[in-house]
Amino acid sequence: MQRRENLLYVGIDLHKETHTAVMVNCWNEKLEVVVIENKPIEFKKLAEKAKRKSNHLGLEPIYGLENAYGYGRSLAVWLIENGYIVKSNHPVFYDYYMR
């Protein structure tokens, strides 16, 4: 089992044209924000930035995607095919728990 303090959480808000990734530690401290275009060449750029940050901190990156309209499908597939841990959260759960 992976310990939470050993992970770099990369939460991604997905949109049709761009994706915004926020990297945080297990204490929810914001470490970096990255905005990329929704294009495969940009996916590699995001993964490289997350890898540099995680290596610097000695953490393993884990990606969480809020995929409301399927805009992040290609990113999720790319991340999985390249060996990254990916979790998907449907926004309806946020709506339910934020009430």
PDB file of N, CA and C in Angstrom:
ATOM      1  N   MET A   1       0.840  -1.184   0.000  1.00  0.00           N
ATOM      2  CA  MET A   1       0.000   0.000   0.000  1.00  0.00           C
ATOM      3  C   MET A   1       0.888   1.251   0.000  1.00  0.00           C
ATOM      4  N   GLN A   2       0.530   2.198  -0.810  1.00  0.00           N
ATOM      5  CA  GLN A   2       1.278   3.446  -0.947  1.00  0.00           C
ATOM      6  C   GLN A   2       0.927   4.413   0.195  1.00  0.00           C
ATOM      7  N   ARG A   3       1.923   4.964   0.840  1.00  0.00           N
ATOM      8  CA  ARG A   3       1.686   5.938   1.910  1.00  0.00           C
ATOM      9  C   ARG A   3       1.396   7.301   1.290  1.00  0.00           C
ATOM     10  N   ARG A   4       0.414   7.988   1.820  1.00  0.00           N
ATOM     11  CA  ARG A   4      -0.029   9.272   1.263  1.00  0.00           C
ATOM     12  C   ARG A   4       1.074  10.321   1.213  1.00  0.00           C
ATOM     13  N   GLU A   5       1.938  10.311   2.217  1.00  0.00           N
ATOM     14  CA  GLU A   5       2.993  11.323   2.259  1.00  0.00           C
ATOM     15  C   GLU A   5       4.087  11.084   1.223  1.00  0.00           C
ATOM     16  N   ASN A   6       4.037   9.957   0.524  1.00  0.00           N
ATOM     17  CA  ASN A   6       5.017   9.661  -0.520  1.00  0.00           C
ATOM     18  C   ASN A   6       4.513   9.981  -1.920  1.00  0.00           C
ATOM     19  N   LEU A   7       3.352  10.630  -2.013  1.00  0.00           N
ATOM     20  CA  LEU A   7       2.743  10.904  -3.312  1.00  0.00           C
ATOM     21  C   LEU A   7       2.710  12.396  -3.628  1.00  0.00           C
ATOM     22  N   LEU A   8       2.863  12.697  -4.896  1.00  0.00           N
ATOM     23  CA  LEU A   8       2.615  14.036  -5.425  1.00  0.00           C
ATOM     24  C   LEU A   8       1.292  13.950  -6.162  1.00  0.00           C
ATOM     25  N   TYR A   9       0.299  14.634  -5.669  1.00  0.00           N
ATOM     26  CA  TYR A   9      -1.032  14.586  -6.255  1.00  0.00           C
ATOM     27  C   TYR A   9      -1.126  15.633  -7.366  1.00  0.00           C
ATOM     28  N   VAL A  10      -1.482  15.167  -8.558  1.00  0.00           N
ATOM     29  CA  VAL A  10      -1.629  16.051  -9.709  1.00  0.00           C
ATOM     30  C   VAL A  10      -3.110  16.029 -10.082  1.00  0.00           C
ATOM     31  N   GLY A  11      -3.854  17.010  -9.580  1.00  0.00           N
ATOM     32  CA  GLY A  11      -5.283  17.115  -9.877  1.00  0.00           C
ATOM     33  C   GLY A  11      -5.478  17.929 -11.140  1.00  0.00           C
ATOM     34  N   ILE A  12      -6.272  17.393 -12.066  1.00  0.00           N
ATOM     35  CA  ILE A  12      -6.414  18.047 -13.361  1.00  0.00           C
ATOM     36  C   ILE A  12      -7.873  18.382 -13.630  1.00  0.00           C
ATOM     37  N   ASP A  13      -8.123  19.659 -13.893  1.00  0.00           N
ATOM     38  CA  ASP A  13      -9.432  20.147 -14.304  1.00  0.00           C
ATOM     39  C   ASP A  13      -9.410  20.177 -15.827  1.00  0.00           C
ATOM     40  N   LEU A  14     -10.294  19.400 -16.437  1.00  0.00           N
ATOM     41  CA  LEU A  14     -10.256  19.181 -17.878  1.00  0.00           C
ATOM     42  C   LEU A  14     -11.288  20.024 -18.606  1.00  0.00           C
ATOM     43  N   HIS A  15     -10.843  20.646 -19.679  1.00  0.00           N
ATOM     44  CA  HIS A  15     -11.719  21.447 -20.526  1.00  0.00           C
ATOM     45  C   HIS A  15     -11.465  21.084 -21.977  1.00  0.00           C
ATOM     46  N   LYS A  16     -12.310  21.554 -22.853  1.00  0.00           N
ATOM     47  CA  LYS A  16     -12.206  21.196 -24.266  1.00  0.00           C
ATOM     48  C   LYS A  16     -10.886  21.639 -24.882  1.00  0.00           C
ATOM     49  N   GLU A  17     -10.460  22.850 -24.613  1.00  0.00           N
ATOM     50  CA  GLU A  17      -9.255  23.406 -25.230  1.00  0.00           C
ATOM     51  C   GLU A  17      -8.004  23.277 -24.368  1.00  0.00           C
ATOM     52  N   THR A  18      -8.150  23.412 -23.052  1.00  0.00           N
ATOM     53  CA  THR A  18      -7.000  23.374 -22.150  1.00  0.00           C
ATOM     54  C   THR A  18      -7.295  22.505 -20.927  1.00  0.00           C
ATOM     55  N   HIS A  19      -6.236  22.104 -20.254  1.00  0.00           N
ATOM     56  CA  HIS A  19      -6.333  21.387 -18.983  1.00  0.00           C
ATOM     57  C   HIS A  19      -5.476  22.139 -17.968  1.00  0.00           C
ATOM     58  N   THR A  20      -5.973  22.255 -16.750  1.00  0.00           N
ATOM     59  CA  THR A  20      -5.226  22.903 -15.681  1.00  0.00           C
ATOM     60  C   THR A  20      -4.883  21.867 -14.621  1.00  0.00           C
ATOM     61  N   ALA A  21      -3.599  21.704 -14.377  1.00  0.00           N
ATOM     62  CA  ALA A  21      -3.125  20.743 -13.380  1.00  0.00           C
ATOM     63  C   ALA A  21      -2.587  21.495 -12.173  1.00  0.00           C
ATOM     64  N   VAL A  22      -2.951  21.023 -11.001  1.00  0.00           N
ATOM     65  CA  VAL A  22      -2.444  21.590  -9.756  1.00  0.00           C
ATOM     66  C   VAL A  22      -1.750  20.463  -8.999  1.00  0.00           C
ATOM     67  N   MET A  23      -0.497  20.678  -8.669  1.00  0.00           N
ATOM     68  CA  MET A  23       0.278  19.687  -7.929  1.00  0.00           C
ATOM     69  C   MET A  23       0.261  20.071  -6.453  1.00  0.00           C
ATOM     70  N   VAL A  24      -0.120  19.104  -5.621  1.00  0.00           N
ATOM     71  CA  VAL A  24      -0.183  19.327  -4.181  1.00  0.00           C
ATOM     72  C   VAL A  24       0.446  18.137  -3.465  1.00  0.00           C
ATOM     73  N   ASN A  25       0.847  18.366  -2.216  1.00  0.00           N
ATOM     74  CA  ASN A  25       1.343  17.259  -1.394  1.00  0.00           C
ATOM     75  C   ASN A  25       0.190  16.723  -0.553  1.00  0.00           C
ATOM     76  N   CYS A  26       0.481  15.784   0.324  1.00  0.00           N
ATOM     77  CA  CYS A  26      -0.587  15.160   1.112  1.00  0.00           C
ATOM     78  C   CYS A  26      -1.204  16.107   2.138  1.00  0.00           C
ATOM     79  N   TRP A  27      -0.571  17.242   2.382  1.00  0.00           N
ATOM     80  CA  TRP A  27      -1.115  18.244   3.298  1.00  0.00           C
ATOM     81  C   TRP A  27      -1.871  19.332   2.546  1.00  0.00           C
ATOM     82  N   ASN A  28      -2.139  19.075   1.278  1.00  0.00           N
ATOM     83  CA  ASN A  28      -2.906  19.977   0.409  1.00  0.00           C
ATOM     84  C   ASN A  28      -2.216  21.323   0.216  1.00  0.00           C
ATOM     85  N   GLU A  29      -0.896  21.316   0.260  1.00  0.00           N
ATOM     86  CA  GLU A  29      -0.135  22.533  -0.026  1.00  0.00           C
ATOM     87  C   GLU A  29       0.091  22.607  -1.528  1.00  0.00           C
ATOM     88  N   LYS A  30      -0.345  23.697  -2.130  1.00  0.00           N
ATOM     89  CA  LYS A  30      -0.172  23.865  -3.569  1.00  0.00           C
ATOM     90  C   LYS A  30       1.304  24.079  -3.884  1.00  0.00           C
ATOM     91  N   LEU A  31       1.822  23.239  -4.784  1.00  0.00           N
ATOM     92  CA  LEU A  31       3.231  23.292  -5.130  1.00  0.00           C
ATOM     93  C   LEU A  31       3.480  23.896  -6.504  1.00  0.00           C
ATOM     94  N   GLU A  32       2.570  23.659  -7.429  1.00  0.00           N
ATOM     95  CA  GLU A  32       2.746  24.179  -8.783  1.00  0.00           C
ATOM     96  C   GLU A  32       1.429  24.077  -9.543  1.00  0.00           C
ATOM     97  N   VAL A  33       1.226  25.013 -10.477  1.00  0.00           N
ATOM     98  CA  VAL A  33       0.071  24.997 -11.371  1.00  0.00           C
ATOM     99  C   VAL A  33       0.593  24.995 -12.798  1.00  0.00           C
ATOM    100  N   VAL A  34       0.028  24.112 -13.624  1.00  0.00           N
ATOM    101  CA  VAL A  34       0.444  23.991 -15.012  1.00  0.00           C
ATOM    102  C   VAL A  34      -0.804  23.997 -15.894  1.00  0.00           C
ATOM    103  N   VAL A  35      -0.797  24.832 -16.923  1.00  0.00           N
ATOM    104  CA  VAL A  35      -1.892  24.852 -17.899  1.00  0.00           C
ATOM    105  C   VAL A  35      -1.332  24.361 -19.227  1.00  0.00           C
ATOM    106  N   ILE A  36      -2.013  23.356 -19.799  1.00  0.00           N
ATOM    107  CA  ILE A  36      -1.583  22.815 -21.086  1.00  0.00           C
ATOM    108  C   ILE A  36      -2.754  22.811 -22.060  1.00  0.00           C
ATOM    109  N   GLU A  37      -2.440  22.756 -23.333  1.00  0.00           N
ATOM    110  CA  GLU A  37      -3.471  22.573 -24.349  1.00  0.00           C
ATOM    111  C   GLU A  37      -3.863  21.098 -24.367  1.00  0.00           C
ATOM    112  N   ASN A  38      -5.063  20.825 -24.838  1.00  0.00           N
ATOM    113  CA  ASN A  38      -5.563  19.461 -24.921  1.00  0.00           C
ATOM    114  C   ASN A  38      -5.016  18.796 -26.190  1.00  0.00           C
ATOM    115  N   LYS A  39      -3.693  18.557 -26.191  1.00  0.00           N
ATOM    116  CA  LYS A  39      -2.999  17.950 -27.327  1.00  0.00           C
ATOM    117  C   LYS A  39      -1.957  16.979 -26.789  1.00  0.00           C
ATOM    118  N   PRO A  40      -1.758  15.824 -27.452  1.00  0.00           N
ATOM    119  CA  PRO A  40      -0.791  14.832 -26.962  1.00  0.00           C
ATOM    120  C   PRO A  40       0.616  15.381 -26.734  1.00  0.00           C
ATOM    121  N   ILE A  41       1.083  16.286 -27.559  1.00  0.00           N
ATOM    122  CA  ILE A  41       2.427  16.850 -27.355  1.00  0.00           C
ATOM    123  C   ILE A  41       2.503  17.583 -26.014  1.00  0.00           C
ATOM    124  N   GLU A  42       1.403  18.162 -25.594  1.00  0.00           N
ATOM    125  CA  GLU A  42       1.341  18.868 -24.313  1.00  0.00           C
ATOM    126  C   GLU A  42       1.258  17.895 -23.135  1.00  0.00           C
ATOM    127  N   PHE A  43       0.685  16.702 -23.354  1.00  0.00           N
ATOM    128  CA  PHE A  43       0.586  15.710 -22.286  1.00  0.00           C
ATOM    129  C   PHE A  43       1.982  15.348 -21.803  1.00  0.00           C
ATOM    130  N   LYS A  44       2.893  15.177 -22.731  1.00  0.00           N
ATOM    131  CA  LYS A  44       4.270  14.838 -22.382  1.00  0.00           C
ATOM    132  C   LYS A  44       4.907  15.960 -21.560  1.00  0.00           C
ATOM    133  N   LYS A  45       4.612  17.192 -21.933  1.00  0.00           N
ATOM    134  CA  LYS A  45       5.136  18.357 -21.206  1.00  0.00           C
ATOM    135  C   LYS A  45       4.645  18.347 -19.753  1.00  0.00           C
ATOM    136  N   LEU A  46       3.366  18.052 -19.550  1.00  0.00           N
ATOM    137  CA  LEU A  46       2.812  17.982 -18.202  1.00  0.00           C
ATOM    138  C   LEU A  46       3.478  16.868 -17.407  1.00  0.00           C
ATOM    139  N   ALA A  47       3.600  15.691 -18.009  1.00  0.00           N
ATOM    140  CA  ALA A  47       4.208  14.549 -17.314  1.00  0.00           C
ATOM    141  C   ALA A  47       5.657  14.851 -16.936  1.00  0.00           C
ATOM    142  N   GLU A  48       6.380  15.527 -17.814  1.00  0.00           N
ATOM    143  CA  GLU A  48       7.775  15.867 -17.517  1.00  0.00           C
ATOM    144  C   GLU A  48       7.873  16.855 -16.362  1.00  0.00           C
ATOM    145  N   LYS A  49       6.968  17.845 -16.329  1.00  0.00           N
ATOM    146  CA  LYS A  49       6.983  18.804 -15.216  1.00  0.00           C
ATOM    147  C   LYS A  49       6.650  18.111 -13.899  1.00  0.00           C
ATOM    148  N   ALA A  50       5.653  17.220 -13.932  1.00  0.00           N
ATOM    149  CA  ALA A  50       5.278  16.489 -12.721  1.00  0.00           C
ATOM    150  C   ALA A  50       6.415  15.572 -12.280  1.00  0.00           C
ATOM    151  N   LYS A  51       7.095  14.961 -13.234  1.00  0.00           N
ATOM    152  CA  LYS A  51       8.208  14.070 -12.900  1.00  0.00           C
ATOM    153  C   LYS A  51       9.363  14.853 -12.274  1.00  0.00           C
ATOM    154  N   ARG A  52       9.677  16.026 -12.840  1.00  0.00           N
ATOM    155  CA  ARG A  52      10.742  16.859 -12.255  1.00  0.00           C
ATOM    156  C   ARG A  52      10.392  17.254 -10.829  1.00  0.00           C
ATOM    157  N   LYS A  53       9.149  17.692 -10.635  1.00  0.00           N
ATOM    158  CA  LYS A  53       8.716  18.117  -9.295  1.00  0.00           C
ATOM    159  C   LYS A  53       8.745  16.936  -8.334  1.00  0.00           C
ATOM    160  N   SER A  54       8.236  15.786  -8.771  1.00  0.00           N
ATOM    161  CA  SER A  54       8.197  14.624  -7.878  1.00  0.00           C
ATOM    162  C   SER A  54       9.602  14.112  -7.561  1.00  0.00           C
ATOM    163  N   ASN A  55      10.497  14.116  -8.546  1.00  0.00           N
ATOM    164  CA  ASN A  55      11.877  13.707  -8.291  1.00  0.00           C
ATOM    165  C   ASN A  55      12.566  14.654  -7.314  1.00  0.00           C
ATOM    166  N   HIS A  56      12.325  15.939  -7.485  1.00  0.00           N
ATOM    167  CA  HIS A  56      12.910  16.953  -6.593  1.00  0.00           C
ATOM    168  C   HIS A  56      12.461  16.730  -5.146  1.00  0.00           C
ATOM    169  N   LEU A  57      11.202  16.327  -4.988  1.00  0.00           N
ATOM    170  CA  LEU A  57      10.639  16.148  -3.650  1.00  0.00           C
ATOM    171  C   LEU A  57      10.726  14.709  -3.146  1.00  0.00           C
ATOM    172  N   GLY A  58      11.150  13.797  -4.002  1.00  0.00           N
ATOM    173  CA  GLY A  58      11.214  12.395  -3.615  1.00  0.00           C
ATOM    174  C   GLY A  58       9.851  11.748  -3.490  1.00  0.00           C
ATOM    175  N   LEU A  59       8.933  12.153  -4.346  1.00  0.00           N
ATOM    176  CA  LEU A  59       7.558  11.648  -4.307  1.00  0.00           C
ATOM    177  C   LEU A  59       7.211  10.933  -5.611  1.00  0.00           C
ATOM    178  N   GLU A  60       6.144  10.148  -5.582  1.00  0.00           N
ATOM    179  CA  GLU A  60       5.644   9.493  -6.787  1.00  0.00           C
ATOM    180  C   GLU A  60       4.393  10.228  -7.256  1.00  0.00           C
ATOM    181  N   PRO A  61       4.329  10.620  -8.535  1.00  0.00           N
ATOM    182  CA  PRO A  61       3.141  11.328  -9.011  1.00  0.00           C
ATOM    183  C   PRO A  61       1.951  10.393  -9.182  1.00  0.00           C
ATOM    184  N   ILE A  62       0.778  10.899  -8.799  1.00  0.00           N
ATOM    185  CA  ILE A  62      -0.478  10.203  -9.035  1.00  0.00           C
ATOM    186  C   ILE A  62      -1.441  11.247  -9.592  1.00  0.00           C
ATOM    187  N   TYR A  63      -2.111  10.913 -10.679  1.00  0.00           N
ATOM    188  CA  TYR A  63      -2.957  11.858 -11.393  1.00  0.00           C
ATOM    189  C   TYR A  63      -4.423  11.613 -11.075  1.00  0.00           C
ATOM    190  N   GLY A  64      -5.141  12.687 -10.791  1.00  0.00           N
ATOM    191  CA  GLY A  64      -6.578  12.630 -10.573  1.00  0.00           C
ATOM    192  C   GLY A  64      -7.260  13.521 -11.586  1.00  0.00           C
ATOM    193  N   LEU A  65      -8.162  12.951 -12.381  1.00  0.00           N
ATOM    194  CA  LEU A  65      -8.829  13.701 -13.444  1.00  0.00           C
ATOM    195  C   LEU A  65     -10.302  13.887 -13.118  1.00  0.00           C
ATOM    196  N   GLU A  66     -10.769  15.121 -13.218  1.00  0.00           N
ATOM    197  CA  GLU A  66     -12.185  15.421 -13.087  1.00  0.00           C
ATOM    198  C   GLU A  66     -12.730  15.504 -14.513  1.00  0.00           C
ATOM    199  N   ASN A  67     -13.306  14.415 -14.967  1.00  0.00           N
ATOM    200  CA  ASN A  67     -13.633  14.277 -16.382  1.00  0.00           C
ATOM    201  C   ASN A  67     -15.135  14.366 -16.606  1.00  0.00           C
ATOM    202  N   ALA A  68     -15.657  15.575 -16.731  1.00  0.00           N
ATOM    203  CA  ALA A  68     -17.092  15.779 -16.838  1.00  0.00           C
ATOM    204  C   ALA A  68     -17.663  15.423 -18.207  1.00  0.00           C
ATOM    205  N   TYR A  69     -17.023  15.822 -19.272  1.00  0.00           N
ATOM    206  CA  TYR A  69     -17.592  15.654 -20.607  1.00  0.00           C
ATOM    207  C   TYR A  69     -16.730  14.786 -21.516  1.00  0.00           C
ATOM    208  N   GLY A  70     -15.809  14.047 -20.958  1.00  0.00           N
ATOM    209  CA  GLY A  70     -14.945  13.202 -21.766  1.00  0.00           C
ATOM    210  C   GLY A  70     -13.776  13.944 -22.377  1.00  0.00           C
ATOM    211  N   TYR A  71     -13.557  15.208 -21.985  1.00  0.00           N
ATOM    212  CA  TYR A  71     -12.462  15.991 -22.555  1.00  0.00           C
ATOM    213  C   TYR A  71     -11.095  15.434 -22.177  1.00  0.00           C
ATOM    214  N   GLY A  72     -11.021  14.669 -21.123  1.00  0.00           N
ATOM    215  CA  GLY A  72      -9.744  14.156 -20.665  1.00  0.00           C
ATOM    216  C   GLY A  72      -9.459  12.722 -21.047  1.00  0.00           C
ATOM    217  N   ARG A  73     -10.304  12.141 -21.893  1.00  0.00           N
ATOM    218  CA  ARG A  73     -10.111  10.736 -22.255  1.00  0.00           C
ATOM    219  C   ARG A  73      -8.745  10.503 -22.880  1.00  0.00           C
ATOM    220  N   SER A  74      -8.366  11.321 -23.835  1.00  0.00           N
ATOM    221  CA  SER A  74      -7.075  11.108 -24.507  1.00  0.00           C
ATOM    222  C   SER A  74      -5.910  11.297 -23.539  1.00  0.00           C
ATOM    223  N   LEU A  75      -6.024  12.242 -22.613  1.00  0.00           N
ATOM    224  CA  LEU A  75      -4.978  12.423 -21.604  1.00  0.00           C
ATOM    225  C   LEU A  75      -4.902  11.203 -20.693  1.00  0.00           C
ATOM    226  N   ALA A  76      -6.050  10.709 -20.246  1.00  0.00           N
ATOM    227  CA  ALA A  76      -6.072   9.531 -19.370  1.00  0.00           C
ATOM    228  C   ALA A  76      -5.439   8.325 -20.062  1.00  0.00           C
ATOM    229  N   VAL A  77      -5.802   8.104 -21.312  1.00  0.00           N
ATOM    230  CA  VAL A  77      -5.227   6.986 -22.063  1.00  0.00           C
ATOM    231  C   VAL A  77      -3.721   7.159 -22.191  1.00  0.00           C
ATOM    232  N   TRP A  78      -3.269   8.367 -22.522  1.00  0.00           N
ATOM    233  CA  TRP A  78      -1.837   8.636 -22.671  1.00  0.00           C
ATOM    234  C   TRP A  78      -1.088   8.366 -21.366  1.00  0.00           C
ATOM    235  N   LEU A  79      -1.634   8.857 -20.257  1.00  0.00           N
ATOM    236  CA  LEU A  79      -0.983   8.655 -18.957  1.00  0.00           C
ATOM    237  C   LEU A  79      -0.898   7.170 -18.603  1.00  0.00           C
ATOM    238  N   ILE A  80      -1.987   6.442 -18.797  1.00  0.00           N
ATOM    239  CA  ILE A  80      -2.009   5.015 -18.473  1.00  0.00           C
ATOM    240  C   ILE A  80      -1.028   4.253 -19.359  1.00  0.00           C
ATOM    241  N   GLU A  81      -1.037   4.563 -20.651  1.00  0.00           N
ATOM    242  CA  GLU A  81      -0.119   3.879 -21.580  1.00  0.00           C
ATOM    243  C   GLU A  81       1.346   4.148 -21.242  1.00  0.00           C
ATOM    244  N   ASN A  82       1.609   5.262 -20.572  1.00  0.00           N
ATOM    245  CA  ASN A  82       2.978   5.605 -20.208  1.00  0.00           C
ATOM    246  C   ASN A  82       3.309   5.237 -18.759  1.00  0.00           C
ATOM    247  N   GLY A  83       2.464   4.427 -18.138  1.00  0.00           N
ATOM    248  CA  GLY A  83       2.767   3.847 -16.839  1.00  0.00           C
ATOM    249  C   GLY A  83       2.436   4.684 -15.622  1.00  0.00           C
ATOM    250  N   TYR A  84       1.666   5.747 -15.773  1.00  0.00           N
ATOM    251  CA  TYR A  84       1.319   6.593 -14.629  1.00  0.00           C
ATOM    252  C   TYR A  84       0.063   6.082 -13.930  1.00  0.00           C
ATOM    253  N   ILE A  85      -0.030   6.363 -12.643  1.00  0.00           N
ATOM    254  CA  ILE A  85      -1.221   6.023 -11.867  1.00  0.00           C
ATOM    255  C   ILE A  85      -2.264   7.105 -12.134  1.00  0.00           C
ATOM    256  N   VAL A  86      -3.461   6.682 -12.536  1.00  0.00           N
ATOM    257  CA  VAL A  86      -4.524   7.634 -12.886  1.00  0.00           C
ATOM    258  C   VAL A  86      -5.800   7.246 -12.151  1.00  0.00           C
ATOM    259  N   LYS A  87      -6.405   8.230 -11.514  1.00  0.00           N
ATOM    260  CA  LYS A  87      -7.699   8.069 -10.862  1.00  0.00           C
ATOM    261  C   LYS A  87      -8.662   9.046 -11.517  1.00  0.00           C
ATOM    262  N   SER A  88      -9.907   8.615 -11.677  1.00  0.00           N
ATOM    263  CA  SER A  88     -10.904   9.479 -12.307  1.00  0.00           C
ATOM    264  C   SER A  88     -12.008   9.767 -11.304  1.00  0.00           C
ATOM    265  N   ASN A  89     -12.417  11.017 -11.254  1.00  0.00           N
ATOM    266  CA  ASN A  89     -13.508  11.441 -10.383  1.00  0.00           C
ATOM    267  C   ASN A  89     -14.553  12.130 -11.223  1.00  0.00           C
ATOM    268  N   HIS A  90     -15.776  11.682 -11.103  1.00  0.00           N
ATOM    269  CA  HIS A  90     -16.855  12.339 -11.829  1.00  0.00           C
ATOM    270  C   HIS A  90     -17.327  13.531 -11.010  1.00  0.00           C
ATOM    271  N   PRO A  91     -17.560  14.681 -11.643  1.00  0.00           N
ATOM    272  CA  PRO A  91     -17.927  15.896 -10.894  1.00  0.00           C
ATOM    273  C   PRO A  91     -19.233  15.780 -10.127  1.00  0.00           C
ATOM    274  N   VAL A  92     -20.091  14.839 -10.464  1.00  0.00           N
ATOM    275  CA  VAL A  92     -21.340  14.699  -9.729  1.00  0.00           C
ATOM    276  C   VAL A  92     -21.044  14.395  -8.260  1.00  0.00           C
ATOM    277  N   PHE A  93     -19.944  13.707  -7.960  1.00  0.00           N
ATOM    278  CA  PHE A  93     -19.587  13.424  -6.575  1.00  0.00           C
ATOM    279  C   PHE A  93     -19.202  14.701  -5.840  1.00  0.00           C
ATOM    280  N   TYR A  94     -18.525  15.628  -6.538  1.00  0.00           N
ATOM    281  CA  TYR A  94     -18.192  16.909  -5.925  1.00  0.00           C
ATOM    282  C   TYR A  94     -19.463  17.673  -5.590  1.00  0.00           C
ATOM    283  N   ASP A  95     -20.407  17.684  -6.526  1.00  0.00           N
ATOM    284  CA  ASP A  95     -21.670  18.387  -6.295  1.00  0.00           C
ATOM    285  C   ASP A  95     -22.389  17.806  -5.085  1.00  0.00           C
ATOM    286  N   TYR A  96     -22.406  16.484  -4.977  1.00  0.00           N
ATOM    287  CA  TYR A  96     -23.110  15.817  -3.886  1.00  0.00           C
ATOM    288  C   TYR A  96     -22.467  16.151  -2.539  1.00  0.00           C
ATOM    289  N   TYR A  97     -21.157  16.059  -2.458  1.00  0.00           N
ATOM    290  CA  TYR A  97     -20.473  16.253  -1.191  1.00  0.00           C
ATOM    291  C   TYR A  97     -20.277  17.714  -0.818  1.00  0.00           C
ATOM    292  N   MET A  98     -20.427  18.616  -1.761  1.00  0.00           N
ATOM    293  CA  MET A  98     -20.234  20.040  -1.464  1.00  0.00           C
ATOM    294  C   MET A  98     -21.517  20.701  -0.971  1.00  0.00           C
ATOM    295  N   ARG A  99     -22.616  19.990  -0.957  1.00  0.00           N
ATOM    296  CA  ARG A  99     -23.885  20.579  -0.500  1.00  0.00           C
ATOM    297  C   ARG A  99     -23.908  20.773   0.995  1.00  0.00           C
TER     298      ARG A  99
END
